[in-house]
Amino acid sequence: MEENSEGKKSIFATEPIGKLVVRFAIPCVIALVVNALYNIVDQIFIGWGVGYIGNGATTVVFPITIIALALTVLIGDGGAAFLSLKLGEGDTESVKRGLGNAVVMVTAAGILILVVFLVFIDPILTLFGATELNRSYALDYGYIIGIGLPFTMISTALNSLIRVDGSPKFAMFSMLLGAIINTILDPIFIFVFKMGVQGAAIATVIG
């Protein structure tokens, strides 16, 4: 029988399937919506504080974050599926190894993307549509976002693994907290400290 770390029966073994779907699906959807708001909030404040050139610069950086997110979901959700199966089997040793492997894999993927992006940032931005008009803004924004990618990837992957432990609300609230921090820091860095797109990038990474 599936048990948690305290030896108690897991909710996956005792709750009705319909109730579990609702309990896990709603926080998951909310977390995904909140995650999408990061870019929207940045675009709003950058549009007000920097202008359309700043919006264009952040847009050409956005594809690299999508690539990073795709790898994160691949590892995080794949690891979550594996852990779910092993928890159902009661194979705690495989659960521990699987969790460790997932963390190591997403960390390695984050560092790899960081290195590749920062080394080849100029041609990558050109590929994604950067122009001479917005390239300097894109570089300012891209360097900071690139440095923060490993941390973003690790936190996002851990959210998937946390849900497997039966804590979907904890994962959701951690995403909400990050979005709130980003929303508060964006105007502070952009308007108060006059940091422009760099300020938006720093706020996003901190969030």
N, C-alpha and C. Protein backbone atom coordinates (compact mmCIF):
# COMPACT_ATOMS: atom_id res chain seq x y z
N MET A 1 0.85 -1.19 0.00
CA MET A 1 0.00 0.00 0.00
C MET A 1 0.89 1.24 0.00
N GLU A 2 0.45 2.24 -0.75
CA GLU A 2 1.23 3.46 -0.87
C GLU A 2 1.20 4.24 0.43
N GLU A 3 2.40 4.61 0.92
CA GLU A 3 2.50 5.35 2.17
C GLU A 3 3.38 6.56 1.98
N ASN A 4 3.19 7.57 2.82
CA ASN A 4 4.06 8.74 2.76
C ASN A 4 5.26 8.53 3.65
N SER A 5 6.09 9.61 3.77
CA SER A 5 7.34 9.48 4.52
C SER A 5 7.13 9.22 5.99
N GLU A 6 5.91 9.49 6.51
CA GLU A 6 5.65 9.28 7.93
C GLU A 6 5.03 7.91 8.19
N GLY A 7 4.89 7.11 7.13
CA GLY A 7 4.34 5.78 7.30
C GLY A 7 2.83 5.72 7.25
N LYS A 8 2.17 6.85 7.00
CA LYS A 8 0.72 6.88 6.90
C LYS A 8 0.31 6.56 5.47
N LYS A 9 -0.92 6.06 5.32
CA LYS A 9 -1.42 5.77 3.99
C LYS A 9 -1.58 7.06 3.20
N SER A 10 -1.12 7.03 1.95
CA SER A 10 -1.21 8.20 1.10
C SER A 10 -2.64 8.45 0.67
N ILE A 11 -2.94 9.72 0.37
CA ILE A 11 -4.27 10.06 -0.12
C ILE A 11 -4.55 9.39 -1.46
N PHE A 12 -3.49 9.06 -2.21
CA PHE A 12 -3.67 8.39 -3.49
C PHE A 12 -4.24 6.98 -3.32
N ALA A 13 -4.04 6.44 -2.14
CA ALA A 13 -4.52 5.09 -1.87
C ALA A 13 -5.88 5.07 -1.19
N THR A 14 -6.32 6.23 -0.68
CA THR A 14 -7.54 6.25 0.11
C THR A 14 -8.66 7.13 -0.47
N GLU A 15 -8.29 8.19 -1.23
CA GLU A 15 -9.29 9.12 -1.74
C GLU A 15 -9.88 8.64 -3.07
N PRO A 16 -11.14 8.97 -3.37
CA PRO A 16 -11.74 8.64 -4.67
C PRO A 16 -11.00 9.35 -5.80
N ILE A 17 -10.94 8.72 -6.96
CA ILE A 17 -10.19 9.27 -8.09
C ILE A 17 -10.73 10.64 -8.51
N GLY A 18 -12.06 10.77 -8.57
CA GLY A 18 -12.65 12.05 -8.98
C GLY A 18 -12.24 13.19 -8.07
N LYS A 19 -12.24 12.93 -6.77
CA LYS A 19 -11.85 13.95 -5.79
C LYS A 19 -10.37 14.30 -5.94
N LEU A 20 -9.54 13.31 -6.22
CA LEU A 20 -8.11 13.55 -6.40
C LEU A 20 -7.85 14.40 -7.64
N VAL A 21 -8.59 14.12 -8.72
CA VAL A 21 -8.41 14.90 -9.96
C VAL A 21 -8.70 16.37 -9.70
N VAL A 22 -9.80 16.65 -9.01
CA VAL A 22 -10.16 18.04 -8.69
C VAL A 22 -9.11 18.66 -7.77
N ARG A 23 -8.71 17.90 -6.76
CA ARG A 23 -7.76 18.43 -5.77
C ARG A 23 -6.42 18.79 -6.39
N PHE A 24 -6.00 18.03 -7.39
CA PHE A 24 -4.69 18.26 -8.00
C PHE A 24 -4.77 19.11 -9.25
N ALA A 25 -5.85 18.99 -10.01
CA ALA A 25 -5.94 19.71 -11.28
C ALA A 25 -6.08 21.21 -11.09
N ILE A 26 -6.92 21.62 -10.16
CA ILE A 26 -7.17 23.06 -9.97
C ILE A 26 -5.91 23.81 -9.55
N PRO A 27 -5.17 23.38 -8.51
CA PRO A 27 -3.93 24.08 -8.17
C PRO A 27 -2.91 24.05 -9.30
N CYS A 28 -2.87 22.95 -10.06
CA CYS A 28 -1.92 22.82 -11.17
C CYS A 28 -2.22 23.84 -12.26
N VAL A 29 -3.51 23.97 -12.60
CA VAL A 29 -3.91 24.93 -13.64
C VAL A 29 -3.62 26.37 -13.18
N ILE A 30 -3.93 26.65 -11.92
CA ILE A 30 -3.65 27.99 -11.38
C ILE A 30 -2.16 28.28 -11.44
N ALA A 31 -1.33 27.29 -11.10
CA ALA A 31 0.12 27.48 -11.13
C ALA A 31 0.62 27.75 -12.55
N LEU A 32 0.05 27.06 -13.53
CA LEU A 32 0.44 27.27 -14.92
C LEU A 32 0.06 28.66 -15.40
N VAL A 33 -1.14 29.11 -15.00
CA VAL A 33 -1.58 30.46 -15.38
C VAL A 33 -0.67 31.51 -14.75
N VAL A 34 -0.35 31.32 -13.48
CA VAL A 34 0.53 32.25 -12.78
C VAL A 34 1.90 32.29 -13.45
N ASN A 35 2.40 31.13 -13.85
CA ASN A 35 3.70 31.06 -14.51
C ASN A 35 3.69 31.87 -15.81
N ALA A 36 2.57 31.82 -16.53
CA ALA A 36 2.45 32.58 -17.77
C ALA A 36 2.40 34.08 -17.51
N LEU A 37 1.96 34.48 -16.31
CA LEU A 37 1.83 35.89 -15.99
C LEU A 37 3.18 36.59 -15.84
N TYR A 38 4.24 35.81 -15.57
CA TYR A 38 5.55 36.41 -15.41
C TYR A 38 5.89 37.28 -16.62
N ASN A 39 5.77 36.71 -17.82
CA ASN A 39 6.12 37.42 -19.04
C ASN A 39 5.15 38.57 -19.30
N ILE A 40 3.86 38.35 -19.02
CA ILE A 40 2.87 39.40 -19.25
C ILE A 40 3.15 40.62 -18.37
N VAL A 41 3.42 40.36 -17.08
CA VAL A 41 3.70 41.46 -16.15
C VAL A 41 4.96 42.21 -16.59
N ASP A 42 6.00 41.48 -16.98
CA ASP A 42 7.22 42.12 -17.46
C ASP A 42 6.92 43.02 -18.65
N GLN A 43 6.14 42.52 -19.60
CA GLN A 43 5.84 43.28 -20.81
C GLN A 43 5.07 44.56 -20.48
N ILE A 44 4.15 44.48 -19.53
CA ILE A 44 3.37 45.67 -19.16
C ILE A 44 4.27 46.74 -18.57
N PHE A 45 5.08 46.38 -17.59
CA PHE A 45 5.93 47.38 -16.93
C PHE A 45 7.04 47.87 -17.85
N ILE A 46 7.59 46.99 -18.66
CA ILE A 46 8.62 47.42 -19.62
C ILE A 46 8.02 48.37 -20.65
N GLY A 47 6.80 48.08 -21.09
CA GLY A 47 6.13 48.97 -22.04
C GLY A 47 5.94 50.36 -21.46
N TRP A 48 5.59 50.43 -20.18
CA TRP A 48 5.41 51.72 -19.53
C TRP A 48 6.75 52.43 -19.27
N GLY A 49 7.74 51.66 -18.84
CA GLY A 49 8.99 52.28 -18.41
C GLY A 49 10.05 52.42 -19.47
N VAL A 50 10.04 51.54 -20.47
CA VAL A 50 11.10 51.56 -21.50
C VAL A 50 10.52 51.89 -22.88
N GLY A 51 9.37 51.30 -23.20
CA GLY A 51 8.76 51.53 -24.50
C GLY A 51 8.74 50.28 -25.35
N TYR A 52 8.27 50.47 -26.59
CA TYR A 52 8.07 49.31 -27.46
C TYR A 52 9.37 48.62 -27.83
N ILE A 53 10.47 49.37 -27.85
CA ILE A 53 11.76 48.74 -28.16
C ILE A 53 12.13 47.73 -27.06
N GLY A 54 11.85 48.09 -25.83
CA GLY A 54 12.10 47.18 -24.71
C GLY A 54 11.22 45.95 -24.81
N ASN A 55 9.96 46.13 -25.20
CA ASN A 55 9.07 45.00 -25.40
C ASN A 55 9.59 44.06 -26.48
N GLY A 56 10.09 44.66 -27.58
CA GLY A 56 10.64 43.84 -28.66
C GLY A 56 11.87 43.07 -28.21
N ALA A 57 12.69 43.70 -27.38
CA ALA A 57 13.91 43.05 -26.89
C ALA A 57 13.59 41.85 -26.02
N THR A 58 12.63 42.00 -25.12
CA THR A 58 12.28 40.88 -24.24
C THR A 58 11.60 39.76 -25.02
N THR A 59 10.90 40.12 -26.08
CA THR A 59 10.22 39.11 -26.89
C THR A 59 11.21 38.19 -27.59
N VAL A 60 12.34 38.73 -28.06
CA VAL A 60 13.31 37.88 -28.75
C VAL A 60 14.09 37.00 -27.78
N VAL A 61 14.06 37.34 -26.49
CA VAL A 61 14.72 36.51 -25.48
C VAL A 61 13.78 35.39 -25.02
N PHE A 62 12.47 35.63 -25.16
CA PHE A 62 11.47 34.70 -24.62
C PHE A 62 11.60 33.27 -25.14
N PRO A 63 11.94 33.03 -26.43
CA PRO A 63 12.04 31.64 -26.90
C PRO A 63 13.03 30.79 -26.11
N ILE A 64 14.12 31.39 -25.62
CA ILE A 64 15.09 30.59 -24.86
C ILE A 64 14.48 30.13 -23.54
N THR A 65 13.60 30.96 -22.97
CA THR A 65 12.93 30.54 -21.74
C THR A 65 11.92 29.43 -22.02
N ILE A 66 11.33 29.46 -23.21
CA ILE A 66 10.39 28.40 -23.58
C ILE A 66 11.14 27.07 -23.77
N ILE A 67 12.31 27.14 -24.39
CA ILE A 67 13.13 25.94 -24.56
C ILE A 67 13.52 25.37 -23.19
N ALA A 68 13.92 26.28 -22.28
CA ALA A 68 14.29 25.85 -20.93
C ALA A 68 13.09 25.24 -20.22
N LEU A 69 11.91 25.86 -20.40
CA LEU A 69 10.70 25.34 -19.76
C LEU A 69 10.34 23.96 -20.31
N ALA A 70 10.55 23.77 -21.62
CA ALA A 70 10.24 22.46 -22.23
C ALA A 70 11.11 21.37 -21.62
N LEU A 71 12.40 21.65 -21.45
CA LEU A 71 13.29 20.67 -20.83
C LEU A 71 12.91 20.44 -19.37
N THR A 72 12.51 21.51 -18.70
CA THR A 72 12.11 21.40 -17.30
C THR A 72 10.89 20.50 -17.14
N VAL A 73 9.89 20.70 -18.01
CA VAL A 73 8.69 19.88 -17.96
C VAL A 73 9.01 18.43 -18.31
N LEU A 74 9.90 18.25 -19.29
CA LEU A 74 10.32 16.91 -19.66
C LEU A 74 10.89 16.16 -18.46
N ILE A 75 11.78 16.81 -17.73
CA ILE A 75 12.43 16.17 -16.59
C ILE A 75 11.50 16.13 -15.37
N GLY A 76 10.87 17.29 -15.07
CA GLY A 76 10.03 17.37 -13.87
C GLY A 76 8.80 16.49 -13.94
N ASP A 77 8.04 16.59 -15.03
CA ASP A 77 6.83 15.77 -15.14
C ASP A 77 7.17 14.31 -15.41
N GLY A 78 8.25 14.06 -16.16
CA GLY A 78 8.69 12.68 -16.37
C GLY A 78 9.11 12.04 -15.06
N GLY A 79 9.87 12.80 -14.26
CA GLY A 79 10.27 12.31 -12.95
C GLY A 79 9.07 12.10 -12.04
N ALA A 80 8.09 13.01 -12.13
CA ALA A 80 6.89 12.90 -11.30
C ALA A 80 6.11 11.63 -11.65
N ALA A 81 6.02 11.33 -12.94
CA ALA A 81 5.32 10.11 -13.36
C ALA A 81 6.03 8.87 -12.83
N PHE A 82 7.36 8.87 -12.92
CA PHE A 82 8.14 7.74 -12.42
C PHE A 82 7.97 7.58 -10.91
N LEU A 83 8.03 8.69 -10.19
CA LEU A 83 7.88 8.63 -8.74
C LEU A 83 6.49 8.14 -8.35
N SER A 84 5.48 8.55 -9.10
CA SER A 84 4.11 8.11 -8.81
C SER A 84 3.99 6.60 -8.94
N LEU A 85 4.59 6.06 -10.00
CA LEU A 85 4.54 4.61 -10.20
C LEU A 85 5.25 3.87 -9.07
N LYS A 86 6.42 4.37 -8.71
CA LYS A 86 7.20 3.70 -7.67
C LYS A 86 6.57 3.85 -6.29
N LEU A 87 5.93 5.00 -6.04
CA LEU A 87 5.21 5.15 -4.78
C LEU A 87 4.06 4.16 -4.70
N GLY A 88 3.39 3.97 -5.84
CA GLY A 88 2.30 3.00 -5.88
C GLY A 88 2.77 1.58 -5.63
N GLU A 89 3.99 1.29 -6.07
CA GLU A 89 4.56 -0.04 -5.85
C GLU A 89 5.15 -0.19 -4.46
N GLY A 90 5.29 0.95 -3.74
CA GLY A 90 5.91 0.90 -2.42
C GLY A 90 7.42 0.78 -2.48
N ASP A 91 8.00 1.11 -3.63
CA ASP A 91 9.45 0.98 -3.83
C ASP A 91 10.12 2.29 -3.42
N THR A 92 10.37 2.47 -2.14
CA THR A 92 10.90 3.72 -1.63
C THR A 92 12.34 3.98 -2.08
N GLU A 93 13.11 2.94 -2.28
CA GLU A 93 14.49 3.12 -2.73
C GLU A 93 14.53 3.73 -4.14
N SER A 94 13.66 3.22 -5.02
CA SER A 94 13.59 3.78 -6.38
C SER A 94 13.08 5.21 -6.35
N VAL A 95 12.20 5.50 -5.40
CA VAL A 95 11.68 6.86 -5.25
C VAL A 95 12.82 7.82 -4.90
N LYS A 96 13.66 7.42 -3.96
CA LYS A 96 14.78 8.26 -3.54
C LYS A 96 15.76 8.47 -4.69
N ARG A 97 16.07 7.38 -5.41
CA ARG A 97 17.00 7.49 -6.54
C ARG A 97 16.40 8.34 -7.66
N GLY A 98 15.11 8.13 -7.91
CA GLY A 98 14.44 8.89 -8.96
C GLY A 98 14.41 10.38 -8.66
N LEU A 99 14.14 10.72 -7.42
CA LEU A 99 14.13 12.13 -7.02
C LEU A 99 15.51 12.75 -7.19
N GLY A 100 16.53 12.04 -6.73
CA GLY A 100 17.90 12.53 -6.86
C GLY A 100 18.31 12.70 -8.31
N ASN A 101 17.95 11.72 -9.14
CA ASN A 101 18.29 11.79 -10.56
C ASN A 101 17.59 12.97 -11.24
N ALA A 102 16.34 13.20 -10.88
CA ALA A 102 15.59 14.31 -11.49
C ALA A 102 16.23 15.66 -11.15
N VAL A 103 16.63 15.82 -9.88
CA VAL A 103 17.26 17.07 -9.46
C VAL A 103 18.60 17.26 -10.17
N VAL A 104 19.38 16.19 -10.25
CA VAL A 104 20.69 16.28 -10.94
C VAL A 104 20.50 16.59 -12.42
N MET A 105 19.53 15.94 -13.06
CA MET A 105 19.30 16.15 -14.49
C MET A 105 18.85 17.57 -14.80
N VAL A 106 17.92 18.11 -14.02
CA VAL A 106 17.44 19.46 -14.30
C VAL A 106 18.51 20.50 -13.98
N THR A 107 19.34 20.22 -12.97
CA THR A 107 20.45 21.13 -12.67
C THR A 107 21.47 21.14 -13.80
N ALA A 108 21.81 19.95 -14.29
CA ALA A 108 22.76 19.84 -15.40
C ALA A 108 22.21 20.50 -16.66
N ALA A 109 20.91 20.28 -16.94
CA ALA A 109 20.29 20.90 -18.12
C ALA A 109 20.29 22.41 -18.00
N GLY A 110 20.02 22.92 -16.80
CA GLY A 110 20.02 24.36 -16.58
C GLY A 110 21.39 24.97 -16.80
N ILE A 111 22.42 24.32 -16.28
CA ILE A 111 23.78 24.82 -16.45
C ILE A 111 24.19 24.77 -17.93
N LEU A 112 23.81 23.69 -18.62
CA LEU A 112 24.14 23.56 -20.04
C LEU A 112 23.49 24.67 -20.86
N ILE A 113 22.21 24.92 -20.62
CA ILE A 113 21.52 25.99 -21.35
C ILE A 113 22.14 27.35 -21.02
N LEU A 114 22.48 27.56 -19.75
CA LEU A 114 23.13 28.80 -19.34
C LEU A 114 24.41 29.02 -20.13
N VAL A 115 25.27 28.02 -20.20
CA VAL A 115 26.56 28.16 -20.88
C VAL A 115 26.36 28.39 -22.38
N VAL A 116 25.52 27.57 -23.01
CA VAL A 116 25.29 27.70 -24.45
C VAL A 116 24.70 29.05 -24.79
N PHE A 117 23.73 29.48 -24.00
CA PHE A 117 23.05 30.74 -24.28
C PHE A 117 23.99 31.93 -24.12
N LEU A 118 24.77 31.95 -23.04
CA LEU A 118 25.65 33.09 -22.80
C LEU A 118 26.82 33.13 -23.79
N VAL A 119 27.31 31.96 -24.20
CA VAL A 119 28.43 31.92 -25.15
C VAL A 119 27.97 32.34 -26.54
N PHE A 120 26.78 31.88 -26.94
CA PHE A 120 26.28 32.15 -28.29
C PHE A 120 25.09 33.11 -28.28
N ILE A 121 25.04 34.00 -27.30
CA ILE A 121 23.86 34.83 -27.13
C ILE A 121 23.57 35.72 -28.33
N ASP A 122 24.62 36.27 -28.95
CA ASP A 122 24.39 37.20 -30.07
C ASP A 122 23.76 36.49 -31.28
N PRO A 123 24.34 35.38 -31.77
CA PRO A 123 23.69 34.69 -32.90
C PRO A 123 22.32 34.10 -32.54
N ILE A 124 22.16 33.69 -31.28
CA ILE A 124 20.87 33.14 -30.86
C ILE A 124 19.79 34.22 -30.91
N LEU A 125 20.12 35.42 -30.44
CA LEU A 125 19.16 36.51 -30.47
C LEU A 125 18.85 36.92 -31.91
N THR A 126 19.86 36.86 -32.77
CA THR A 126 19.64 37.15 -34.20
C THR A 126 18.67 36.14 -34.79
N LEU A 127 18.87 34.87 -34.43
CA LEU A 127 17.99 33.80 -34.91
C LEU A 127 16.55 34.03 -34.47
N PHE A 128 16.38 34.56 -33.25
CA PHE A 128 15.05 34.78 -32.71
C PHE A 128 14.44 36.12 -33.12
N GLY A 129 15.18 36.89 -33.94
CA GLY A 129 14.59 38.11 -34.49
C GLY A 129 15.11 39.42 -33.96
N ALA A 130 16.23 39.44 -33.24
CA ALA A 130 16.78 40.69 -32.74
C ALA A 130 17.26 41.57 -33.90
N THR A 131 17.07 42.88 -33.77
CA THR A 131 17.51 43.85 -34.77
C THR A 131 18.54 44.78 -34.15
N GLU A 132 19.15 45.60 -34.97
CA GLU A 132 20.14 46.55 -34.45
C GLU A 132 19.47 47.55 -33.50
N LEU A 133 18.18 47.75 -33.69
CA LEU A 133 17.47 48.72 -32.86
C LEU A 133 17.28 48.22 -31.42
N ASN A 134 16.99 46.94 -31.28
CA ASN A 134 16.69 46.44 -29.93
C ASN A 134 17.74 45.46 -29.39
N ARG A 135 18.83 45.26 -30.14
CA ARG A 135 19.82 44.27 -29.73
C ARG A 135 20.45 44.59 -28.37
N SER A 136 20.78 45.85 -28.13
CA SER A 136 21.44 46.19 -26.85
C SER A 136 20.50 45.91 -25.67
N TYR A 137 19.21 46.20 -25.85
CA TYR A 137 18.24 45.89 -24.80
C TYR A 137 18.10 44.39 -24.61
N ALA A 138 18.09 43.67 -25.74
CA ALA A 138 17.95 42.22 -25.68
C ALA A 138 19.14 41.58 -24.97
N LEU A 139 20.33 42.12 -25.22
CA LEU A 139 21.53 41.60 -24.55
C LEU A 139 21.48 41.87 -23.05
N ASP A 140 21.07 43.09 -22.68
CA ASP A 140 20.96 43.44 -21.26
C ASP A 140 19.97 42.52 -20.54
N TYR A 141 18.85 42.28 -21.18
CA TYR A 141 17.80 41.43 -20.59
C TYR A 141 18.21 39.96 -20.64
N GLY A 142 18.79 39.56 -21.77
CA GLY A 142 19.12 38.15 -21.98
C GLY A 142 20.20 37.62 -21.06
N TYR A 143 21.24 38.43 -20.79
CA TYR A 143 22.32 37.96 -19.91
C TYR A 143 21.78 37.63 -18.52
N ILE A 144 20.92 38.49 -18.00
CA ILE A 144 20.40 38.27 -16.64
C ILE A 144 19.43 37.08 -16.62
N ILE A 145 18.55 37.02 -17.61
CA ILE A 145 17.62 35.89 -17.69
C ILE A 145 18.39 34.57 -17.84
N GLY A 146 19.44 34.60 -18.66
CA GLY A 146 20.26 33.40 -18.86
C GLY A 146 20.90 32.91 -17.57
N ILE A 147 21.42 33.85 -16.79
CA ILE A 147 22.04 33.49 -15.51
C ILE A 147 21.01 32.89 -14.56
N GLY A 148 19.78 33.35 -14.65
CA GLY A 148 18.74 32.85 -13.75
C GLY A 148 18.07 31.58 -14.20
N LEU A 149 18.34 31.13 -15.44
CA LEU A 149 17.65 29.95 -15.97
C LEU A 149 17.82 28.69 -15.11
N PRO A 150 19.04 28.36 -14.64
CA PRO A 150 19.17 27.14 -13.82
C PRO A 150 18.28 27.17 -12.58
N PHE A 151 18.19 28.33 -11.92
CA PHE A 151 17.37 28.45 -10.72
C PHE A 151 15.89 28.33 -11.06
N THR A 152 15.49 28.95 -12.17
CA THR A 152 14.10 28.86 -12.61
C THR A 152 13.73 27.43 -12.95
N MET A 153 14.61 26.74 -13.66
CA MET A 153 14.34 25.36 -14.06
C MET A 153 14.24 24.43 -12.86
N ILE A 154 15.15 24.59 -11.91
CA ILE A 154 15.13 23.73 -10.72
C ILE A 154 13.85 23.94 -9.92
N SER A 155 13.47 25.20 -9.71
CA SER A 155 12.26 25.48 -8.91
C SER A 155 11.01 24.97 -9.61
N THR A 156 10.95 25.11 -10.93
CA THR A 156 9.77 24.64 -11.67
C THR A 156 9.67 23.11 -11.65
N ALA A 157 10.80 22.44 -11.83
CA ALA A 157 10.81 20.97 -11.79
C ALA A 157 10.43 20.47 -10.41
N LEU A 158 10.91 21.13 -9.37
CA LEU A 158 10.59 20.71 -8.01
C LEU A 158 9.11 20.85 -7.71
N ASN A 159 8.45 21.80 -8.37
CA ASN A 159 7.01 21.95 -8.18
C ASN A 159 6.28 20.68 -8.62
N SER A 160 6.71 20.11 -9.75
CA SER A 160 6.08 18.87 -10.22
C SER A 160 6.32 17.74 -9.23
N LEU A 161 7.53 17.67 -8.68
CA LEU A 161 7.87 16.60 -7.75
C LEU A 161 7.15 16.78 -6.41
N ILE A 162 6.93 18.04 -6.02
CA ILE A 162 6.20 18.32 -4.78
C ILE A 162 4.75 17.85 -4.88
N ARG A 163 4.16 18.04 -6.06
CA ARG A 163 2.78 17.60 -6.26
C ARG A 163 2.64 16.08 -6.08
N VAL A 164 3.68 15.35 -6.51
CA VAL A 164 3.65 13.89 -6.35
C VAL A 164 3.59 13.50 -4.88
N ASP A 165 4.18 14.32 -4.04
CA ASP A 165 4.20 14.04 -2.60
C ASP A 165 2.84 14.32 -1.95
N GLY A 166 1.88 14.75 -2.78
CA GLY A 166 0.54 15.02 -2.25
C GLY A 166 0.36 16.42 -1.74
N SER A 167 1.16 17.37 -2.27
CA SER A 167 1.08 18.75 -1.79
C SER A 167 0.87 19.73 -2.95
N PRO A 168 -0.23 19.61 -3.70
CA PRO A 168 -0.44 20.50 -4.85
C PRO A 168 -0.62 21.96 -4.45
N LYS A 169 -1.24 22.19 -3.29
CA LYS A 169 -1.44 23.58 -2.85
C LYS A 169 -0.12 24.23 -2.47
N PHE A 170 0.79 23.47 -1.88
CA PHE A 170 2.11 24.01 -1.54
C PHE A 170 2.83 24.45 -2.81
N ALA A 171 2.76 23.60 -3.85
CA ALA A 171 3.40 23.94 -5.12
C ALA A 171 2.75 25.17 -5.74
N MET A 172 1.44 25.26 -5.64
CA MET A 172 0.72 26.41 -6.21
C MET A 172 1.10 27.70 -5.48
N PHE A 173 1.12 27.66 -4.16
CA PHE A 173 1.43 28.86 -3.38
C PHE A 173 2.87 29.32 -3.61
N SER A 174 3.77 28.39 -3.84
CA SER A 174 5.15 28.78 -4.13
C SER A 174 5.22 29.54 -5.45
N MET A 175 4.41 29.13 -6.45
CA MET A 175 4.36 29.84 -7.72
C MET A 175 3.70 31.21 -7.54
N LEU A 176 2.63 31.26 -6.74
CA LEU A 176 1.96 32.53 -6.48
C LEU A 176 2.89 33.52 -5.80
N LEU A 177 3.66 33.03 -4.84
CA LEU A 177 4.59 33.89 -4.12
C LEU A 177 5.62 34.49 -5.08
N GLY A 178 6.14 33.66 -5.99
CA GLY A 178 7.10 34.15 -6.96
C GLY A 178 6.50 35.21 -7.86
N ALA A 179 5.26 35.02 -8.29
CA ALA A 179 4.59 35.99 -9.17
C ALA A 179 4.35 37.31 -8.44
N ILE A 180 3.96 37.21 -7.17
CA ILE A 180 3.72 38.43 -6.38
C ILE A 180 5.02 39.21 -6.19
N ILE A 181 6.11 38.49 -5.88
CA ILE A 181 7.41 39.15 -5.71
C ILE A 181 7.82 39.83 -7.01
N ASN A 182 7.63 39.15 -8.13
CA ASN A 182 7.98 39.72 -9.43
C ASN A 182 7.17 40.98 -9.72
N THR A 183 5.88 40.94 -9.42
CA THR A 183 5.00 42.08 -9.67
C THR A 183 5.37 43.28 -8.81
N ILE A 184 5.81 43.02 -7.58
CA ILE A 184 6.21 44.11 -6.68
C ILE A 184 7.56 44.70 -7.10
N LEU A 185 8.51 43.83 -7.46
CA LEU A 185 9.86 44.30 -7.77
C LEU A 185 9.98 44.94 -9.14
N ASP A 186 9.14 44.53 -10.10
CA ASP A 186 9.20 45.11 -11.44
C ASP A 186 9.15 46.63 -11.43
N PRO A 187 8.10 47.23 -10.87
CA PRO A 187 8.06 48.70 -10.88
C PRO A 187 9.15 49.36 -10.05
N ILE A 188 9.58 48.67 -8.99
CA ILE A 188 10.65 49.24 -8.15
C ILE A 188 11.95 49.34 -8.95
N PHE A 189 12.34 48.25 -9.60
CA PHE A 189 13.60 48.26 -10.36
C PHE A 189 13.50 49.12 -11.62
N ILE A 190 12.33 49.10 -12.27
CA ILE A 190 12.19 49.83 -13.54
C ILE A 190 12.02 51.33 -13.32
N PHE A 191 11.12 51.72 -12.40
CA PHE A 191 10.79 53.13 -12.24
C PHE A 191 11.58 53.84 -11.13
N VAL A 192 11.79 53.14 -10.02
CA VAL A 192 12.50 53.77 -8.89
C VAL A 192 14.01 53.76 -9.12
N PHE A 193 14.56 52.59 -9.47
CA PHE A 193 16.01 52.48 -9.68
C PHE A 193 16.43 52.76 -11.12
N LYS A 194 15.46 53.00 -12.00
CA LYS A 194 15.73 53.35 -13.40
C LYS A 194 16.63 52.31 -14.09
N MET A 195 16.35 51.03 -13.88
CA MET A 195 17.18 49.97 -14.43
C MET A 195 16.65 49.40 -15.74
N GLY A 196 15.47 49.84 -16.18
CA GLY A 196 14.94 49.42 -17.46
C GLY A 196 14.73 47.92 -17.57
N VAL A 197 15.12 47.37 -18.74
CA VAL A 197 14.90 45.94 -18.97
C VAL A 197 15.75 45.08 -18.04
N GLN A 198 16.89 45.60 -17.60
CA GLN A 198 17.71 44.86 -16.64
C GLN A 198 16.96 44.69 -15.32
N GLY A 199 16.26 45.73 -14.92
CA GLY A 199 15.47 45.65 -13.69
C GLY A 199 14.37 44.63 -13.79
N ALA A 200 13.70 44.58 -14.95
CA ALA A 200 12.66 43.58 -15.16
C ALA A 200 13.22 42.18 -15.11
N ALA A 201 14.39 41.99 -15.70
CA ALA A 201 15.03 40.67 -15.69
C ALA A 201 15.40 40.26 -14.26
N ILE A 202 15.96 41.19 -13.50
CA ILE A 202 16.36 40.89 -12.12
C ILE A 202 15.13 40.52 -11.29
N ALA A 203 14.03 41.27 -11.47
CA ALA A 203 12.79 41.00 -10.73
C ALA A 203 12.26 39.60 -11.08
N THR A 204 12.34 39.24 -12.36
CA THR A 204 11.86 37.92 -12.79
C THR A 204 12.69 36.80 -12.17
N VAL A 205 14.01 36.96 -12.17
CA VAL A 205 14.89 35.94 -11.62
C VAL A 205 14.68 35.79 -10.11
N ILE A 206 14.57 36.92 -9.41
CA ILE A 206 14.34 36.87 -7.96
C ILE A 206 13.01 36.19 -7.66
N GLY A 207 11.98 36.56 -8.44
CA GLY A 207 10.65 35.97 -8.24
C GLY A 207 10.67 34.48 -8.46
